[in-house]
Amino acid sequence: MCSLNIYNYGKEERINIRPLDIDSYTPVVYEPQSVSVSPRSQTLLGTVFYGELQEGSGVQGWSSAIGVEIEVGGVTKRYE
């Protein structure tokens, strides 16, 4: 389970979020999720992201080295 605080200082009502596994030796490509947010608000998002591993690899455990890629209004930014 992933928990994110989203602060929306603008007027956007929908954003796309995708986690980034920064320190992984086994790259996981996560599917982005489209999330509804209220304008000028704080939203606590609790969700599960699904991803794909390269063939023949595996991973388990947890990591605090996670970033996020956020797309708002067609502009994508990475936060690591």
N, C-alpha and C. Protein backbone atom coordinates (compact mmCIF):
# COMPACT_ATOMS: atom_id res chain seq x y z
N MET A 1 0.85 -1.17 0.00
CA MET A 1 0.00 0.00 0.00
C MET A 1 0.89 1.24 0.00
N CYS A 2 0.56 2.16 -0.83
CA CYS A 2 1.31 3.41 -0.96
C CYS A 2 0.42 4.56 -0.49
N SER A 3 0.98 5.45 0.32
CA SER A 3 0.24 6.63 0.78
C SER A 3 0.96 7.88 0.32
N LEU A 4 0.21 8.78 -0.30
CA LEU A 4 0.77 10.04 -0.80
C LEU A 4 -0.12 11.20 -0.38
N ASN A 5 0.50 12.29 0.07
CA ASN A 5 -0.22 13.54 0.29
C ASN A 5 -0.11 14.37 -0.97
N ILE A 6 -1.22 14.72 -1.55
CA ILE A 6 -1.25 15.53 -2.76
C ILE A 6 -1.76 16.91 -2.40
N TYR A 7 -0.95 17.93 -2.66
CA TYR A 7 -1.35 19.32 -2.43
C TYR A 7 -1.64 19.96 -3.77
N ASN A 8 -2.88 20.33 -4.00
CA ASN A 8 -3.30 20.94 -5.25
C ASN A 8 -3.49 22.44 -5.01
N TYR A 9 -2.54 23.24 -5.48
CA TYR A 9 -2.61 24.68 -5.31
C TYR A 9 -3.32 25.36 -6.48
N GLY A 10 -3.67 24.60 -7.48
CA GLY A 10 -4.28 25.17 -8.68
C GLY A 10 -5.71 24.73 -8.87
N LYS A 11 -6.10 24.67 -10.14
CA LYS A 11 -7.49 24.37 -10.49
C LYS A 11 -7.67 22.98 -11.10
N GLU A 12 -6.58 22.22 -11.21
CA GLU A 12 -6.67 20.88 -11.81
C GLU A 12 -7.59 19.99 -11.00
N GLU A 13 -8.32 19.11 -11.70
CA GLU A 13 -9.22 18.18 -11.03
C GLU A 13 -8.81 16.73 -11.24
N ARG A 14 -7.81 16.50 -12.12
CA ARG A 14 -7.36 15.14 -12.40
C ARG A 14 -5.86 15.18 -12.68
N ILE A 15 -5.12 14.24 -12.06
CA ILE A 15 -3.68 14.12 -12.29
C ILE A 15 -3.35 12.64 -12.49
N ASN A 16 -2.21 12.38 -13.12
CA ASN A 16 -1.70 11.02 -13.28
C ASN A 16 -0.46 10.87 -12.41
N ILE A 17 -0.39 9.77 -11.66
CA ILE A 17 0.72 9.52 -10.75
C ILE A 17 1.30 8.15 -11.05
N ARG A 18 2.67 8.09 -11.05
CA ARG A 18 3.35 6.81 -11.26
C ARG A 18 4.56 6.76 -10.34
N PRO A 19 4.71 5.73 -9.50
CA PRO A 19 5.88 5.64 -8.64
C PRO A 19 7.14 5.31 -9.43
N LEU A 20 8.27 5.75 -8.90
CA LEU A 20 9.58 5.47 -9.50
C LEU A 20 10.42 4.73 -8.47
N ASP A 21 10.92 3.57 -8.84
CA ASP A 21 11.77 2.76 -7.96
C ASP A 21 13.21 3.20 -8.20
N ILE A 22 13.71 4.08 -7.35
CA ILE A 22 14.99 4.76 -7.59
C ILE A 22 16.21 3.85 -7.45
N ASP A 23 16.30 3.08 -6.37
CA ASP A 23 17.51 2.30 -6.09
C ASP A 23 17.42 0.83 -6.44
N SER A 24 16.45 0.44 -7.20
CA SER A 24 16.25 -0.98 -7.49
C SER A 24 17.23 -1.48 -8.54
N TYR A 25 17.76 -2.67 -8.30
CA TYR A 25 18.60 -3.33 -9.29
C TYR A 25 17.74 -4.10 -10.29
N THR A 26 16.50 -4.31 -9.95
CA THR A 26 15.54 -4.97 -10.82
C THR A 26 14.49 -3.95 -11.21
N PRO A 27 14.61 -3.35 -12.38
CA PRO A 27 13.67 -2.29 -12.73
C PRO A 27 12.22 -2.78 -12.83
N VAL A 28 11.37 -2.06 -12.16
CA VAL A 28 9.94 -2.31 -12.22
C VAL A 28 9.31 -1.12 -12.94
N VAL A 29 8.49 -1.40 -13.93
CA VAL A 29 7.78 -0.34 -14.64
C VAL A 29 6.35 -0.35 -14.12
N TYR A 30 6.00 0.70 -13.39
CA TYR A 30 4.67 0.80 -12.79
C TYR A 30 3.70 1.48 -13.73
N GLU A 31 2.45 1.05 -13.65
CA GLU A 31 1.38 1.67 -14.43
C GLU A 31 0.95 2.95 -13.73
N PRO A 32 0.77 4.04 -14.47
CA PRO A 32 0.29 5.27 -13.84
C PRO A 32 -1.18 5.15 -13.46
N GLN A 33 -1.58 5.90 -12.45
CA GLN A 33 -2.98 5.94 -12.04
C GLN A 33 -3.49 7.36 -12.20
N SER A 34 -4.70 7.47 -12.70
CA SER A 34 -5.36 8.75 -12.82
C SER A 34 -6.16 8.98 -11.54
N VAL A 35 -5.95 10.15 -10.90
CA VAL A 35 -6.54 10.43 -9.60
C VAL A 35 -7.33 11.73 -9.66
N SER A 36 -8.51 11.73 -9.06
CA SER A 36 -9.30 12.95 -8.95
C SER A 36 -8.85 13.73 -7.72
N VAL A 37 -8.65 15.03 -7.90
CA VAL A 37 -8.28 15.92 -6.81
C VAL A 37 -9.16 17.16 -6.87
N SER A 38 -9.51 17.68 -5.73
CA SER A 38 -10.30 18.90 -5.68
C SER A 38 -9.38 20.10 -5.83
N PRO A 39 -9.82 21.14 -6.54
CA PRO A 39 -9.00 22.35 -6.66
C PRO A 39 -8.70 22.96 -5.29
N ARG A 40 -7.47 23.45 -5.15
CA ARG A 40 -7.02 24.12 -3.94
C ARG A 40 -7.31 23.31 -2.68
N SER A 41 -6.77 22.09 -2.67
CA SER A 41 -7.04 21.19 -1.54
C SER A 41 -5.85 20.28 -1.27
N GLN A 42 -5.94 19.55 -0.17
CA GLN A 42 -5.00 18.49 0.18
C GLN A 42 -5.75 17.17 0.11
N THR A 43 -5.16 16.18 -0.55
CA THR A 43 -5.78 14.86 -0.67
C THR A 43 -4.79 13.81 -0.19
N LEU A 44 -5.22 12.92 0.69
CA LEU A 44 -4.40 11.79 1.10
C LEU A 44 -4.82 10.61 0.24
N LEU A 45 -3.89 10.15 -0.58
CA LEU A 45 -4.15 9.05 -1.50
C LEU A 45 -3.55 7.78 -0.93
N GLY A 46 -4.38 6.77 -0.74
CA GLY A 46 -3.93 5.45 -0.32
C GLY A 46 -4.29 4.47 -1.42
N THR A 47 -3.29 3.91 -2.08
CA THR A 47 -3.56 3.05 -3.22
C THR A 47 -2.46 2.01 -3.40
N VAL A 48 -2.72 1.08 -4.28
CA VAL A 48 -1.74 0.08 -4.69
C VAL A 48 -1.43 0.32 -6.15
N PHE A 49 -0.14 0.38 -6.48
CA PHE A 49 0.28 0.53 -7.87
C PHE A 49 0.73 -0.83 -8.38
N TYR A 50 0.40 -1.13 -9.62
CA TYR A 50 0.79 -2.40 -10.23
C TYR A 50 1.86 -2.15 -11.27
N GLY A 51 2.81 -3.08 -11.37
CA GLY A 51 3.90 -2.91 -12.31
C GLY A 51 4.32 -4.22 -12.93
N GLU A 52 5.30 -4.12 -13.82
CA GLU A 52 5.81 -5.28 -14.54
C GLU A 52 7.31 -5.38 -14.34
N LEU A 53 7.77 -6.60 -14.05
CA LEU A 53 9.20 -6.88 -13.95
C LEU A 53 9.73 -7.35 -15.29
N GLN A 54 11.04 -7.21 -15.46
CA GLN A 54 11.66 -7.79 -16.64
C GLN A 54 11.56 -9.31 -16.52
N GLU A 55 11.47 -9.97 -17.66
CA GLU A 55 11.36 -11.43 -17.66
C GLU A 55 12.56 -12.06 -16.97
N GLY A 56 12.28 -13.03 -16.11
CA GLY A 56 13.34 -13.75 -15.42
C GLY A 56 13.83 -13.07 -14.16
N SER A 57 13.18 -12.00 -13.73
CA SER A 57 13.63 -11.31 -12.53
C SER A 57 12.53 -11.36 -11.47
N GLY A 58 12.90 -11.02 -10.25
CA GLY A 58 11.94 -10.99 -9.16
C GLY A 58 12.39 -9.99 -8.12
N VAL A 59 11.45 -9.57 -7.30
CA VAL A 59 11.77 -8.60 -6.25
C VAL A 59 10.77 -8.79 -5.11
N GLN A 60 11.24 -8.53 -3.90
CA GLN A 60 10.35 -8.57 -2.74
C GLN A 60 10.91 -7.63 -1.69
N GLY A 61 10.10 -7.27 -0.73
CA GLY A 61 10.55 -6.40 0.34
C GLY A 61 9.98 -5.01 0.20
N TRP A 62 10.70 -4.04 0.78
CA TRP A 62 10.24 -2.66 0.75
C TRP A 62 11.43 -1.74 0.53
N SER A 63 11.15 -0.50 0.22
CA SER A 63 12.21 0.48 0.01
C SER A 63 11.69 1.86 0.37
N SER A 64 12.56 2.66 0.95
CA SER A 64 12.20 4.06 1.22
C SER A 64 12.73 4.96 0.12
N ALA A 65 13.41 4.37 -0.86
CA ALA A 65 13.97 5.15 -1.98
C ALA A 65 12.99 5.13 -3.15
N ILE A 66 11.86 5.76 -2.95
CA ILE A 66 10.82 5.79 -3.96
C ILE A 66 10.59 7.24 -4.38
N GLY A 67 10.47 7.45 -5.67
CA GLY A 67 10.12 8.76 -6.20
C GLY A 67 8.75 8.68 -6.84
N VAL A 68 8.35 9.77 -7.45
CA VAL A 68 7.04 9.80 -8.08
C VAL A 68 7.11 10.66 -9.34
N GLU A 69 6.37 10.26 -10.34
CA GLU A 69 6.22 11.03 -11.57
C GLU A 69 4.78 11.49 -11.62
N ILE A 70 4.57 12.80 -11.77
CA ILE A 70 3.22 13.36 -11.77
C ILE A 70 3.00 14.12 -13.06
N GLU A 71 1.86 13.83 -13.70
CA GLU A 71 1.47 14.52 -14.92
C GLU A 71 0.25 15.39 -14.60
N VAL A 72 0.39 16.69 -14.88
CA VAL A 72 -0.68 17.64 -14.63
C VAL A 72 -0.84 18.49 -15.89
N GLY A 73 -2.01 18.47 -16.49
CA GLY A 73 -2.27 19.30 -17.66
C GLY A 73 -1.33 19.04 -18.81
N GLY A 74 -0.88 17.79 -19.00
CA GLY A 74 0.00 17.44 -20.10
C GLY A 74 1.48 17.65 -19.82
N VAL A 75 1.83 18.16 -18.63
CA VAL A 75 3.23 18.38 -18.24
C VAL A 75 3.61 17.33 -17.20
N THR A 76 4.71 16.61 -17.45
CA THR A 76 5.16 15.57 -16.55
C THR A 76 6.42 16.02 -15.80
N LYS A 77 6.43 15.81 -14.48
CA LYS A 77 7.60 16.13 -13.65
C LYS A 77 7.92 14.93 -12.78
N ARG A 78 9.24 14.74 -12.54
CA ARG A 78 9.73 13.65 -11.69
C ARG A 78 10.24 14.24 -10.38
N TYR A 79 9.90 13.56 -9.28
CA TYR A 79 10.37 13.95 -7.95
C TYR A 79 11.05 12.74 -7.33
N GLU A 80 12.35 12.86 -7.12
CA GLU A 80 13.13 11.73 -6.60
C GLU A 80 13.71 12.06 -5.24
